[in-house]
């Protein structure tokens, strides 16, 4: 038995549409992003959630609300907002175009890479996060250690509040979802950009936590 975490990436925002690094910046959902939330809700409508959580950023809160509005299985009506499930804080790179960020980061790596996803694929999430922190001239950005300290704290809090067999909804962010996959030894999954509204199922067990589904936006449960 395990606690089943249904971790969904928020719907598309205007920063996503404009290919800007977002992090802790609070860009609203686009109309397409609202639809991402509703569609995720329809796919998960028949699952009873014993708990529902989101990061405390608006795009995650709103996506969680759209998901829960579609639920037919006596789940919570509102998500609990949890700071720990925020995206990585990108510091000085918040709101900057992705190509510009990649060009800046290239100065810190001898090897060539095309974009942030390519950086992750070649070197892993920890190196990608640490490179952003190193390149941030004001040193605001979170490195891998700071990011994981708070995210793992959030996961352990869920573990302590729920029991085996519980289903738990969490609406979070792309880099956070990829980072969790990396920490569980799934670099192959972490190398994939997470779709807006995409789902990862993470089973928290006494023996070994494992991912049973990743980046899914098609399955109806």
N, C-alpha and C. Protein backbone atom coordinates (compact mmCIF):
# COMPACT_ATOMS: atom_id res chain seq x y z
N UNK A 1 0.84 -1.20 0.00
CA UNK A 1 0.00 0.00 0.00
C UNK A 1 0.87 1.25 0.00
N UNK A 2 0.31 2.34 -0.49
CA UNK A 2 1.06 3.59 -0.59
C UNK A 2 0.10 4.77 -0.54
N UNK A 3 0.65 5.94 -0.28
CA UNK A 3 -0.07 7.19 -0.47
C UNK A 3 0.14 7.60 -1.92
N UNK A 4 -0.93 7.83 -2.64
CA UNK A 4 -0.84 8.12 -4.07
C UNK A 4 -0.92 9.62 -4.32
N UNK A 5 0.18 10.20 -4.76
CA UNK A 5 0.20 11.62 -5.06
C UNK A 5 -0.06 11.83 -6.54
N UNK A 6 -1.11 12.57 -6.85
CA UNK A 6 -1.42 12.96 -8.22
C UNK A 6 -0.92 14.40 -8.38
N UNK A 7 0.26 14.54 -8.97
CA UNK A 7 0.92 15.85 -9.05
C UNK A 7 0.73 16.40 -10.47
N UNK A 8 0.03 17.52 -10.57
CA UNK A 8 -0.34 18.10 -11.86
C UNK A 8 0.41 19.42 -12.04
N UNK A 9 0.93 19.64 -13.23
CA UNK A 9 1.49 20.96 -13.53
C UNK A 9 0.35 21.92 -13.84
N UNK A 10 0.48 23.15 -13.37
CA UNK A 10 -0.51 24.19 -13.63
C UNK A 10 -0.75 24.38 -15.13
N UNK A 11 -1.85 25.03 -15.46
CA UNK A 11 -2.15 25.35 -16.85
C UNK A 11 -1.25 26.43 -17.41
N UNK A 12 -1.34 26.61 -18.70
CA UNK A 12 -0.49 27.59 -19.39
C UNK A 12 -0.72 29.00 -18.85
N UNK A 13 0.38 29.74 -18.64
CA UNK A 13 0.32 31.14 -18.26
C UNK A 13 0.81 32.00 -19.41
N UNK A 14 0.67 33.32 -19.24
CA UNK A 14 1.18 34.22 -20.27
C UNK A 14 2.70 34.16 -20.36
N UNK A 15 3.39 33.94 -19.26
CA UNK A 15 4.84 33.77 -19.31
C UNK A 15 5.21 32.48 -20.05
N UNK A 16 4.44 31.41 -19.85
CA UNK A 16 4.68 30.18 -20.62
C UNK A 16 4.53 30.46 -22.11
N UNK A 17 3.45 31.15 -22.47
CA UNK A 17 3.18 31.45 -23.87
C UNK A 17 4.31 32.28 -24.49
N UNK A 18 4.87 33.19 -23.69
CA UNK A 18 5.92 34.09 -24.17
C UNK A 18 7.32 33.51 -23.99
N UNK A 19 7.40 32.26 -23.51
CA UNK A 19 8.68 31.56 -23.32
C UNK A 19 9.60 32.31 -22.36
N UNK A 20 9.01 32.75 -21.24
CA UNK A 20 9.78 33.45 -20.22
C UNK A 20 9.94 32.57 -18.98
N UNK A 21 11.09 32.67 -18.34
CA UNK A 21 11.29 31.97 -17.07
C UNK A 21 10.33 32.58 -16.05
N UNK A 22 9.70 31.73 -15.26
CA UNK A 22 8.61 32.19 -14.42
C UNK A 22 8.93 32.10 -12.93
N UNK A 23 9.31 30.92 -12.47
CA UNK A 23 9.69 30.78 -11.07
C UNK A 23 8.63 31.24 -10.10
N UNK A 24 8.99 32.21 -9.25
CA UNK A 24 8.05 32.72 -8.25
C UNK A 24 7.21 33.88 -8.78
N UNK A 25 7.44 34.30 -10.02
CA UNK A 25 6.62 35.36 -10.61
C UNK A 25 5.20 34.83 -10.82
N UNK A 26 4.23 35.72 -10.74
CA UNK A 26 2.84 35.26 -10.65
C UNK A 26 2.03 35.62 -11.88
N UNK A 27 2.43 35.16 -13.05
CA UNK A 27 1.69 35.41 -14.28
C UNK A 27 0.37 34.63 -14.27
N UNK A 28 -0.72 35.23 -14.75
CA UNK A 28 -2.01 34.53 -14.74
C UNK A 28 -2.13 33.48 -15.83
N UNK A 29 -3.12 32.63 -15.68
CA UNK A 29 -3.42 31.63 -16.70
C UNK A 29 -3.98 32.30 -17.96
N UNK A 30 -3.60 31.76 -19.12
CA UNK A 30 -4.24 32.14 -20.37
C UNK A 30 -5.59 31.40 -20.47
N UNK A 31 -6.43 31.78 -21.43
CA UNK A 31 -7.65 30.97 -21.65
C UNK A 31 -7.32 29.49 -21.89
N UNK A 32 -6.25 29.24 -22.62
CA UNK A 32 -5.83 27.85 -22.84
C UNK A 32 -5.42 27.21 -21.52
N UNK A 33 -4.79 27.99 -20.64
CA UNK A 33 -4.38 27.47 -19.33
C UNK A 33 -5.57 27.10 -18.46
N UNK A 34 -6.63 27.90 -18.55
CA UNK A 34 -7.87 27.56 -17.83
C UNK A 34 -8.42 26.23 -18.34
N UNK A 35 -8.37 26.06 -19.65
CA UNK A 35 -8.83 24.80 -20.24
C UNK A 35 -7.96 23.63 -19.79
N UNK A 36 -6.64 23.85 -19.67
CA UNK A 36 -5.78 22.79 -19.14
C UNK A 36 -6.27 22.32 -17.77
N UNK A 37 -6.64 23.27 -16.91
CA UNK A 37 -7.15 22.90 -15.59
C UNK A 37 -8.45 22.14 -15.67
N UNK A 38 -9.37 22.61 -16.50
CA UNK A 38 -10.65 21.92 -16.63
C UNK A 38 -10.49 20.53 -17.21
N UNK A 39 -9.62 20.38 -18.21
CA UNK A 39 -9.41 19.07 -18.81
C UNK A 39 -8.76 18.10 -17.83
N UNK A 40 -7.79 18.59 -17.06
CA UNK A 40 -7.20 17.73 -16.03
C UNK A 40 -8.26 17.30 -15.03
N UNK A 41 -9.13 18.23 -14.68
CA UNK A 41 -10.22 17.90 -13.75
C UNK A 41 -11.16 16.84 -14.29
N UNK A 42 -11.46 16.92 -15.57
CA UNK A 42 -12.34 15.92 -16.17
C UNK A 42 -11.69 14.54 -16.18
N UNK A 43 -10.37 14.50 -16.43
CA UNK A 43 -9.68 13.21 -16.43
C UNK A 43 -9.62 12.59 -15.03
N UNK A 44 -9.59 13.46 -14.02
CA UNK A 44 -9.48 12.99 -12.63
C UNK A 44 -10.80 13.05 -11.87
N UNK A 45 -11.89 13.27 -12.58
CA UNK A 45 -13.18 13.55 -11.94
C UNK A 45 -13.68 12.42 -11.07
N UNK A 46 -13.32 11.19 -11.38
CA UNK A 46 -13.86 10.05 -10.65
C UNK A 46 -12.96 9.57 -9.51
N UNK A 47 -11.87 10.29 -9.26
CA UNK A 47 -10.97 9.92 -8.17
C UNK A 47 -11.34 10.71 -6.92
N UNK A 48 -11.56 10.00 -5.83
CA UNK A 48 -11.77 10.67 -4.54
C UNK A 48 -10.41 11.07 -3.97
N UNK A 49 -10.22 12.36 -3.78
CA UNK A 49 -9.00 12.86 -3.18
C UNK A 49 -9.21 13.08 -1.68
N UNK A 50 -8.38 12.44 -0.89
CA UNK A 50 -8.45 12.61 0.57
C UNK A 50 -7.80 13.91 1.02
N UNK A 51 -7.04 14.52 0.13
CA UNK A 51 -6.45 15.82 0.40
C UNK A 51 -6.14 16.50 -0.92
N UNK A 52 -6.22 17.83 -0.93
CA UNK A 52 -5.92 18.60 -2.15
C UNK A 52 -5.05 19.78 -1.77
N UNK A 53 -3.93 19.93 -2.48
CA UNK A 53 -2.95 20.95 -2.17
C UNK A 53 -2.48 21.61 -3.46
N UNK A 54 -1.98 22.82 -3.32
CA UNK A 54 -1.33 23.49 -4.44
C UNK A 54 -0.20 24.33 -3.88
N UNK A 55 0.73 24.71 -4.76
CA UNK A 55 1.67 25.75 -4.36
C UNK A 55 0.85 27.02 -4.10
N UNK A 56 1.47 28.00 -3.44
CA UNK A 56 0.73 29.21 -3.11
C UNK A 56 0.85 30.28 -4.19
N UNK A 57 1.27 29.90 -5.39
CA UNK A 57 1.29 30.82 -6.51
C UNK A 57 -0.03 30.73 -7.27
N UNK A 58 -0.48 31.87 -7.78
CA UNK A 58 -1.84 31.97 -8.32
C UNK A 58 -2.13 30.94 -9.40
N UNK A 59 -1.18 30.72 -10.29
CA UNK A 59 -1.44 29.80 -11.41
C UNK A 59 -1.71 28.38 -10.92
N UNK A 60 -1.06 27.97 -9.83
CA UNK A 60 -1.29 26.64 -9.27
C UNK A 60 -2.60 26.59 -8.50
N UNK A 61 -2.88 27.64 -7.73
CA UNK A 61 -4.14 27.70 -6.97
C UNK A 61 -5.33 27.62 -7.91
N UNK A 62 -5.31 28.44 -8.96
CA UNK A 62 -6.44 28.47 -9.89
C UNK A 62 -6.59 27.15 -10.63
N UNK A 63 -5.48 26.56 -11.05
CA UNK A 63 -5.56 25.26 -11.73
C UNK A 63 -6.17 24.21 -10.81
N UNK A 64 -5.74 24.20 -9.55
CA UNK A 64 -6.30 23.24 -8.59
C UNK A 64 -7.80 23.45 -8.41
N UNK A 65 -8.22 24.69 -8.37
CA UNK A 65 -9.66 24.97 -8.22
C UNK A 65 -10.44 24.47 -9.42
N UNK A 66 -9.90 24.68 -10.61
CA UNK A 66 -10.58 24.17 -11.81
C UNK A 66 -10.66 22.64 -11.79
N UNK A 67 -9.61 22.00 -11.34
CA UNK A 67 -9.61 20.53 -11.25
C UNK A 67 -10.68 20.07 -10.27
N UNK A 68 -10.73 20.68 -9.11
CA UNK A 68 -11.66 20.25 -8.06
C UNK A 68 -13.11 20.55 -8.43
N UNK A 69 -13.33 21.60 -9.21
CA UNK A 69 -14.70 21.92 -9.64
C UNK A 69 -15.28 20.82 -10.52
N UNK A 70 -14.41 20.06 -11.20
CA UNK A 70 -14.85 18.98 -12.08
C UNK A 70 -15.03 17.65 -11.34
N UNK A 71 -14.65 17.61 -10.08
CA UNK A 71 -14.61 16.33 -9.37
C UNK A 71 -15.99 15.86 -8.95
N UNK A 72 -16.24 14.55 -9.17
CA UNK A 72 -17.54 13.94 -8.84
C UNK A 72 -17.44 12.96 -7.68
N UNK A 73 -16.32 12.95 -6.95
CA UNK A 73 -16.06 11.87 -6.00
C UNK A 73 -15.88 12.37 -4.56
N UNK A 74 -16.60 13.42 -4.22
CA UNK A 74 -16.60 13.91 -2.84
C UNK A 74 -15.21 14.29 -2.35
N UNK A 75 -14.49 15.00 -3.19
CA UNK A 75 -13.15 15.48 -2.84
C UNK A 75 -13.25 16.87 -2.21
N UNK A 76 -12.17 17.37 -1.64
CA UNK A 76 -12.20 18.74 -1.09
C UNK A 76 -12.61 19.75 -2.17
N UNK A 77 -13.24 20.82 -1.73
CA UNK A 77 -13.69 21.85 -2.66
C UNK A 77 -12.61 22.87 -2.97
N UNK A 78 -11.66 23.03 -2.07
CA UNK A 78 -10.60 24.03 -2.23
C UNK A 78 -9.25 23.39 -1.91
N UNK A 79 -8.19 23.81 -2.59
CA UNK A 79 -6.87 23.30 -2.26
C UNK A 79 -6.27 24.04 -1.07
N UNK A 80 -5.47 23.34 -0.29
CA UNK A 80 -4.66 23.99 0.73
C UNK A 80 -3.39 24.51 0.06
N UNK A 81 -3.05 25.74 0.34
CA UNK A 81 -1.89 26.36 -0.31
C UNK A 81 -0.62 26.08 0.49
N UNK A 82 0.39 25.55 -0.19
CA UNK A 82 1.62 25.14 0.47
C UNK A 82 2.82 25.79 -0.24
N UNK A 83 3.53 26.62 0.49
CA UNK A 83 4.72 27.30 -0.05
C UNK A 83 5.74 26.30 -0.58
N UNK A 84 5.87 25.16 0.10
CA UNK A 84 6.92 24.19 -0.24
C UNK A 84 6.81 23.67 -1.66
N UNK A 85 5.63 23.71 -2.27
CA UNK A 85 5.44 23.16 -3.61
C UNK A 85 5.61 24.19 -4.72
N UNK A 86 6.19 25.35 -4.38
CA UNK A 86 6.49 26.34 -5.41
C UNK A 86 7.53 25.83 -6.41
N UNK A 87 7.60 26.58 -7.52
CA UNK A 87 8.65 26.37 -8.51
C UNK A 87 10.00 26.78 -7.91
N UNK A 88 11.09 26.37 -8.56
CA UNK A 88 12.39 26.92 -8.21
C UNK A 88 12.35 28.44 -8.36
N UNK A 89 12.99 29.16 -7.46
CA UNK A 89 13.11 30.60 -7.59
C UNK A 89 14.29 30.91 -8.50
N UNK A 90 14.02 31.57 -9.62
CA UNK A 90 15.06 31.83 -10.61
C UNK A 90 15.76 33.17 -10.40
N UNK A 91 15.43 33.89 -9.34
CA UNK A 91 16.14 35.11 -8.99
C UNK A 91 16.12 36.14 -10.11
N UNK A 92 17.30 36.58 -10.53
CA UNK A 92 17.42 37.63 -11.54
C UNK A 92 16.90 37.20 -12.91
N UNK A 93 16.69 35.91 -13.11
CA UNK A 93 16.21 35.40 -14.39
C UNK A 93 14.68 35.36 -14.47
N UNK A 94 14.00 35.75 -13.40
CA UNK A 94 12.54 35.75 -13.43
C UNK A 94 12.04 36.71 -14.52
N UNK A 95 11.16 36.20 -15.38
CA UNK A 95 10.57 37.02 -16.43
C UNK A 95 11.43 37.20 -17.67
N UNK A 96 12.63 36.59 -17.68
CA UNK A 96 13.55 36.75 -18.81
C UNK A 96 13.27 35.68 -19.86
N UNK A 97 13.38 36.05 -21.12
CA UNK A 97 13.16 35.11 -22.21
C UNK A 97 14.09 33.90 -22.09
N UNK A 98 13.58 32.72 -22.37
CA UNK A 98 14.34 31.48 -22.19
C UNK A 98 15.61 31.42 -23.01
N UNK A 99 15.59 31.95 -24.23
CA UNK A 99 16.79 31.94 -25.06
C UNK A 99 17.89 32.82 -24.45
N UNK A 100 17.49 33.95 -23.89
CA UNK A 100 18.45 34.83 -23.24
C UNK A 100 19.07 34.16 -22.02
N UNK A 101 18.24 33.45 -21.24
CA UNK A 101 18.76 32.73 -20.08
C UNK A 101 19.76 31.66 -20.51
N UNK A 102 19.41 30.90 -21.54
CA UNK A 102 20.30 29.84 -22.01
C UNK A 102 21.63 30.40 -22.49
N UNK A 103 21.59 31.54 -23.17
CA UNK A 103 22.83 32.17 -23.64
C UNK A 103 23.70 32.59 -22.45
N UNK A 104 23.08 33.12 -21.42
CA UNK A 104 23.82 33.52 -20.23
C UNK A 104 24.43 32.31 -19.53
N UNK A 105 23.65 31.26 -19.39
CA UNK A 105 24.12 30.06 -18.70
C UNK A 105 25.26 29.38 -19.46
N UNK A 106 25.27 29.54 -20.79
CA UNK A 106 26.30 28.89 -21.59
C UNK A 106 27.70 29.35 -21.18
N UNK A 107 27.81 30.56 -20.65
CA UNK A 107 29.11 31.08 -20.22
C UNK A 107 29.67 30.31 -19.02
N UNK A 108 28.81 29.54 -18.36
CA UNK A 108 29.23 28.82 -17.16
C UNK A 108 29.48 27.34 -17.41
N UNK A 109 29.32 26.90 -18.66
CA UNK A 109 29.56 25.50 -19.02
C UNK A 109 30.47 25.43 -20.23
N UNK A 110 31.46 24.56 -20.18
CA UNK A 110 32.35 24.40 -21.33
C UNK A 110 31.65 23.69 -22.48
N UNK A 111 30.74 22.78 -22.14
CA UNK A 111 30.03 22.01 -23.16
C UNK A 111 28.87 22.85 -23.72
N UNK A 112 28.58 22.65 -24.99
CA UNK A 112 27.49 23.36 -25.65
C UNK A 112 26.14 22.72 -25.32
N UNK A 113 25.13 23.53 -25.15
CA UNK A 113 23.75 23.04 -25.02
C UNK A 113 22.83 24.04 -25.69
N UNK A 114 21.66 23.57 -26.09
CA UNK A 114 20.76 24.40 -26.90
C UNK A 114 19.81 25.25 -26.08
N UNK A 115 19.30 24.68 -24.98
CA UNK A 115 18.33 25.39 -24.16
C UNK A 115 18.33 24.76 -22.77
N UNK A 116 17.42 25.21 -21.91
CA UNK A 116 17.41 24.74 -20.53
C UNK A 116 17.16 23.23 -20.44
N UNK A 117 16.25 22.73 -21.28
CA UNK A 117 15.99 21.29 -21.29
C UNK A 117 17.22 20.51 -21.71
N UNK A 118 17.95 21.01 -22.68
CA UNK A 118 19.18 20.35 -23.12
C UNK A 118 20.22 20.36 -22.00
N UNK A 119 20.29 21.46 -21.25
CA UNK A 119 21.18 21.53 -20.08
C UNK A 119 20.82 20.44 -19.07
N UNK A 120 19.52 20.27 -18.80
CA UNK A 120 19.07 19.24 -17.87
C UNK A 120 19.42 17.85 -18.40
N UNK A 121 19.16 17.63 -19.68
CA UNK A 121 19.41 16.31 -20.28
C UNK A 121 20.88 15.93 -20.18
N UNK A 122 21.76 16.88 -20.44
CA UNK A 122 23.18 16.60 -20.42
C UNK A 122 23.76 16.44 -19.02
N UNK A 123 23.30 17.27 -18.08
CA UNK A 123 23.97 17.35 -16.79
C UNK A 123 23.09 17.02 -15.58
N UNK A 124 21.77 16.93 -15.78
CA UNK A 124 20.88 16.63 -14.66
C UNK A 124 20.30 17.88 -14.04
N UNK A 125 19.23 17.69 -13.29
CA UNK A 125 18.50 18.80 -12.69
C UNK A 125 19.35 19.56 -11.68
N UNK A 126 20.11 18.86 -10.86
CA UNK A 126 20.89 19.53 -9.82
C UNK A 126 21.88 20.52 -10.44
N UNK A 127 22.57 20.08 -11.49
CA UNK A 127 23.53 20.95 -12.15
C UNK A 127 22.83 22.13 -12.81
N UNK A 128 21.68 21.89 -13.42
CA UNK A 128 20.93 22.98 -14.05
C UNK A 128 20.52 24.02 -13.02
N UNK A 129 19.98 23.58 -11.89
CA UNK A 129 19.59 24.52 -10.84
C UNK A 129 20.79 25.26 -10.27
N UNK A 130 21.86 24.54 -10.05
CA UNK A 130 23.06 25.16 -9.49
C UNK A 130 23.70 26.15 -10.46
N UNK A 131 23.60 25.87 -11.76
CA UNK A 131 24.15 26.79 -12.75
C UNK A 131 23.37 28.10 -12.76
N UNK A 132 22.04 28.01 -12.65
CA UNK A 132 21.23 29.22 -12.56
C UNK A 132 21.62 30.03 -11.32
N UNK A 133 21.78 29.35 -10.19
CA UNK A 133 22.16 30.05 -8.96
C UNK A 133 23.53 30.70 -9.09
N UNK A 134 24.45 30.01 -9.74
CA UNK A 134 25.79 30.55 -9.93
C UNK A 134 25.78 31.76 -10.85
N UNK A 135 24.95 31.72 -11.89
CA UNK A 135 24.92 32.79 -12.89
C UNK A 135 24.14 34.02 -12.43
N UNK A 136 23.32 33.88 -11.41
CA UNK A 136 22.51 34.99 -10.91
C UNK A 136 23.43 36.02 -10.23
N UNK A 137 23.60 37.20 -10.79
CA UNK A 137 24.56 38.16 -10.22
C UNK A 137 24.19 38.64 -8.82
N UNK A 138 22.91 38.57 -8.47
CA UNK A 138 22.47 39.01 -7.14
C UNK A 138 22.33 37.86 -6.15
N UNK A 139 22.53 36.64 -6.65
CA UNK A 139 22.49 35.45 -5.79
C UNK A 139 21.14 35.28 -5.08
N UNK A 140 20.08 35.65 -5.79
CA UNK A 140 18.73 35.43 -5.27
C UNK A 140 18.25 34.00 -5.55
N UNK A 141 18.67 33.45 -6.67
CA UNK A 141 18.13 32.18 -7.16
C UNK A 141 18.42 31.04 -6.19
N UNK A 142 17.45 30.11 -6.10
CA UNK A 142 17.65 28.90 -5.31
C UNK A 142 18.59 27.95 -6.03
N UNK A 143 19.49 27.33 -5.30
CA UNK A 143 20.26 26.22 -5.86
C UNK A 143 19.52 24.92 -5.58
N UNK A 144 20.09 23.83 -6.02
CA UNK A 144 19.44 22.53 -5.86
C UNK A 144 19.18 22.20 -4.40
N UNK A 145 20.13 22.48 -3.53
CA UNK A 145 20.00 22.14 -2.11
C UNK A 145 18.85 22.90 -1.46
N UNK A 146 18.78 24.21 -1.70
CA UNK A 146 17.70 25.02 -1.10
C UNK A 146 16.35 24.61 -1.65
N UNK A 147 16.28 24.37 -2.96
CA UNK A 147 15.02 23.95 -3.57
C UNK A 147 14.56 22.62 -2.97
N UNK A 148 15.44 21.64 -2.89
CA UNK A 148 15.05 20.32 -2.42
C UNK A 148 14.72 20.32 -0.93
N UNK A 149 15.36 21.17 -0.17
CA UNK A 149 15.07 21.25 1.26
C UNK A 149 13.60 21.57 1.50
N UNK A 150 13.07 22.54 0.76
CA UNK A 150 11.67 22.90 0.99
C UNK A 150 10.71 21.92 0.33
N UNK A 151 11.03 21.43 -0.90
CA UNK A 151 10.12 20.51 -1.58
C UNK A 151 10.03 19.19 -0.82
N UNK A 152 11.16 18.66 -0.38
CA UNK A 152 11.13 17.40 0.38
C UNK A 152 10.40 17.59 1.71
N UNK A 153 10.50 18.78 2.28
CA UNK A 153 9.74 19.07 3.49
C UNK A 153 8.24 19.00 3.22
N UNK A 154 7.82 19.52 2.08
CA UNK A 154 6.41 19.44 1.71
C UNK A 154 5.95 18.01 1.50
N UNK A 155 6.77 17.21 0.85
CA UNK A 155 6.41 15.81 0.62
C UNK A 155 6.31 15.06 1.95
N UNK A 156 7.25 15.29 2.85
CA UNK A 156 7.22 14.61 4.14
C UNK A 156 6.03 15.06 4.97
N UNK A 157 5.61 16.30 4.82
CA UNK A 157 4.42 16.77 5.51
C UNK A 157 3.18 16.03 5.02
N UNK A 158 3.09 15.83 3.70
CA UNK A 158 1.99 15.05 3.15
C UNK A 158 2.03 13.62 3.69
N UNK A 159 3.22 13.04 3.73
CA UNK A 159 3.36 11.68 4.24
C UNK A 159 2.87 11.56 5.68
N UNK A 160 3.14 12.58 6.48
CA UNK A 160 2.76 12.53 7.89
C UNK A 160 1.27 12.76 8.10
N UNK A 161 0.62 13.42 7.15
CA UNK A 161 -0.80 13.76 7.31
C UNK A 161 -1.74 12.74 6.71
N UNK A 162 -1.21 11.83 5.89
CA UNK A 162 -2.06 10.89 5.18
C UNK A 162 -1.63 9.45 5.45
N UNK A 163 -2.51 8.53 5.11
CA UNK A 163 -2.28 7.10 5.38
C UNK A 163 -2.26 6.33 4.07
N UNK A 164 -1.79 5.10 4.16
CA UNK A 164 -1.75 4.22 2.99
C UNK A 164 -3.14 4.12 2.36
N UNK A 165 -3.18 4.22 1.06
CA UNK A 165 -4.43 4.13 0.32
C UNK A 165 -5.04 5.49 0.01
N UNK A 166 -4.57 6.55 0.67
CA UNK A 166 -5.10 7.88 0.38
C UNK A 166 -4.66 8.35 -1.00
N UNK A 167 -5.55 9.06 -1.67
CA UNK A 167 -5.22 9.76 -2.90
C UNK A 167 -5.11 11.25 -2.61
N UNK A 168 -4.04 11.85 -3.07
CA UNK A 168 -3.76 13.25 -2.76
C UNK A 168 -3.46 14.01 -4.04
N UNK A 169 -4.18 15.11 -4.25
CA UNK A 169 -3.92 15.98 -5.39
C UNK A 169 -2.94 17.08 -4.99
N UNK A 170 -1.93 17.30 -5.83
CA UNK A 170 -1.01 18.42 -5.65
C UNK A 170 -0.85 19.11 -7.00
N UNK A 171 -1.08 20.41 -7.04
CA UNK A 171 -0.81 21.18 -8.26
C UNK A 171 0.46 21.98 -8.03
N UNK A 172 1.44 21.73 -8.88
CA UNK A 172 2.76 22.33 -8.70
C UNK A 172 3.27 22.85 -10.05
N UNK A 173 4.57 22.73 -10.29
CA UNK A 173 5.23 23.43 -11.39
C UNK A 173 6.19 22.51 -12.13
N UNK A 174 6.51 22.90 -13.37
CA UNK A 174 7.28 22.03 -14.24
C UNK A 174 8.65 21.64 -13.72
N UNK A 175 9.45 22.63 -13.32
CA UNK A 175 10.79 22.32 -12.84
C UNK A 175 10.74 21.53 -11.54
N UNK A 176 9.78 21.84 -10.68
CA UNK A 176 9.63 21.10 -9.43
C UNK A 176 9.27 19.64 -9.71
N UNK A 177 8.36 19.40 -10.63
CA UNK A 177 7.98 18.03 -10.96
C UNK A 177 9.17 17.28 -11.56
N UNK A 178 9.90 17.91 -12.45
CA UNK A 178 11.08 17.27 -13.04
C UNK A 178 12.15 17.02 -11.98
N UNK A 179 12.30 17.97 -11.08
CA UNK A 179 13.30 17.82 -10.02
C UNK A 179 12.98 16.66 -9.09
N UNK A 180 11.70 16.47 -8.77
CA UNK A 180 11.30 15.32 -7.95
C UNK A 180 11.64 14.03 -8.66
N UNK A 181 11.34 13.97 -9.96
CA UNK A 181 11.67 12.76 -10.74
C UNK A 181 13.17 12.48 -10.68
N UNK A 182 13.98 13.52 -10.83
CA UNK A 182 15.43 13.34 -10.78
C UNK A 182 15.88 12.81 -9.43
N UNK A 183 15.30 13.33 -8.34
CA UNK A 183 15.69 12.89 -7.00
C UNK A 183 15.34 11.42 -6.77
N UNK A 184 14.36 10.92 -7.52
CA UNK A 184 13.96 9.52 -7.40
C UNK A 184 14.70 8.63 -8.40
N UNK A 185 15.76 9.18 -9.02
CA UNK A 185 16.58 8.38 -9.92
C UNK A 185 16.04 8.25 -11.33
N UNK A 186 15.08 9.10 -11.71
CA UNK A 186 14.48 9.00 -13.03
C UNK A 186 14.92 10.17 -13.91
N UNK A 187 16.20 10.18 -14.24
CA UNK A 187 16.72 11.23 -15.13
C UNK A 187 16.04 11.18 -16.49
N UNK A 188 15.65 9.99 -16.92
CA UNK A 188 14.97 9.87 -18.20
C UNK A 188 13.67 10.67 -18.22
N UNK A 189 12.97 10.69 -17.08
CA UNK A 189 11.73 11.46 -16.99
C UNK A 189 12.01 12.95 -16.79
N UNK A 190 13.00 13.25 -15.97
CA UNK A 190 13.34 14.65 -15.70
C UNK A 190 13.78 15.38 -16.95
N UNK A 191 14.25 14.66 -17.94
CA UNK A 191 14.70 15.28 -19.19
C UNK A 191 13.53 15.71 -20.08
N UNK A 192 12.30 15.36 -19.69
CA UNK A 192 11.14 15.74 -20.49
C UNK A 192 10.52 17.03 -19.97
N UNK A 193 10.30 18.03 -20.81
CA UNK A 193 9.51 19.18 -20.38
C UNK A 193 8.10 18.72 -20.01
N UNK A 194 7.60 19.17 -18.87
CA UNK A 194 6.28 18.74 -18.41
C UNK A 194 5.21 19.58 -19.08
N UNK A 195 4.20 18.92 -19.62
CA UNK A 195 3.10 19.62 -20.28
C UNK A 195 2.27 20.38 -19.25
N UNK A 196 1.73 21.51 -19.67
CA UNK A 196 0.75 22.19 -18.82
C UNK A 196 -0.46 21.28 -18.65
N UNK A 197 -0.83 21.01 -17.41
CA UNK A 197 -1.90 20.06 -17.13
C UNK A 197 -1.44 18.63 -17.10
N UNK A 198 -0.14 18.39 -17.33
CA UNK A 198 0.40 17.03 -17.30
C UNK A 198 0.46 16.47 -15.88
N UNK A 199 0.29 15.16 -15.78
CA UNK A 199 0.17 14.47 -14.50
C UNK A 199 1.34 13.53 -14.24
N UNK A 200 1.85 13.59 -13.02
CA UNK A 200 2.77 12.57 -12.51
C UNK A 200 2.10 11.90 -11.32
N UNK A 201 2.12 10.57 -11.29
CA UNK A 201 1.64 9.85 -10.12
C UNK A 201 2.86 9.32 -9.36
N UNK A 202 2.95 9.72 -8.12
CA UNK A 202 4.05 9.31 -7.25
C UNK A 202 3.49 8.52 -6.08
N UNK A 203 3.94 7.30 -5.92
CA UNK A 203 3.51 6.45 -4.81
C UNK A 203 4.50 6.58 -3.66
N UNK A 204 4.02 7.06 -2.52
CA UNK A 204 4.85 7.14 -1.31
C UNK A 204 4.62 5.88 -0.49
N UNK A 205 5.64 5.04 -0.40
CA UNK A 205 5.49 3.79 0.33
C UNK A 205 6.53 3.70 1.43
N UNK A 206 6.39 2.68 2.26
CA UNK A 206 7.33 2.49 3.36
C UNK A 206 8.69 2.00 2.86
N UNK A 207 8.69 1.32 1.72
CA UNK A 207 9.92 0.74 1.20
C UNK A 207 10.64 1.66 0.22
N UNK A 208 9.93 2.05 -0.84
CA UNK A 208 10.56 2.86 -1.88
C UNK A 208 9.51 3.69 -2.59
N UNK A 209 9.72 5.00 -2.64
CA UNK A 209 8.83 5.86 -3.40
C UNK A 209 9.08 5.65 -4.88
N UNK A 210 8.02 5.61 -5.68
CA UNK A 210 8.21 5.39 -7.11
C UNK A 210 7.18 6.13 -7.94
N UNK A 211 7.61 6.47 -9.14
CA UNK A 211 6.74 7.14 -10.11
C UNK A 211 6.11 6.08 -11.00
N UNK A 212 4.79 6.10 -11.09
CA UNK A 212 4.09 5.11 -11.92
C UNK A 212 3.51 5.71 -13.19
N UNK A 213 3.47 7.04 -13.28
CA UNK A 213 2.97 7.71 -14.48
C UNK A 213 3.63 9.08 -14.54
N UNK A 214 3.98 9.52 -15.75
CA UNK A 214 4.67 10.81 -15.86
C UNK A 214 4.22 11.55 -17.10
N UNK A 215 3.97 12.85 -16.93
CA UNK A 215 3.71 13.76 -18.05
C UNK A 215 2.49 13.32 -18.87
N UNK A 216 1.49 12.80 -18.20
CA UNK A 216 0.32 12.24 -18.88
C UNK A 216 -0.81 13.29 -18.95
N UNK A 217 -1.30 13.53 -20.14
CA UNK A 217 -2.45 14.43 -20.29
C UNK A 217 -3.57 13.80 -21.10
N UNK A 218 -3.62 12.46 -21.09
CA UNK A 218 -4.60 11.74 -21.90
C UNK A 218 -5.48 10.78 -21.08
N UNK A 219 -4.92 10.15 -20.07
CA UNK A 219 -5.64 9.08 -19.36
C UNK A 219 -6.83 9.64 -18.61
N UNK A 220 -7.96 8.95 -18.77
CA UNK A 220 -9.17 9.26 -18.00
C UNK A 220 -9.29 8.20 -16.91
N UNK A 221 -9.33 8.61 -15.68
CA UNK A 221 -9.30 7.67 -14.55
C UNK A 221 -10.71 7.33 -14.08
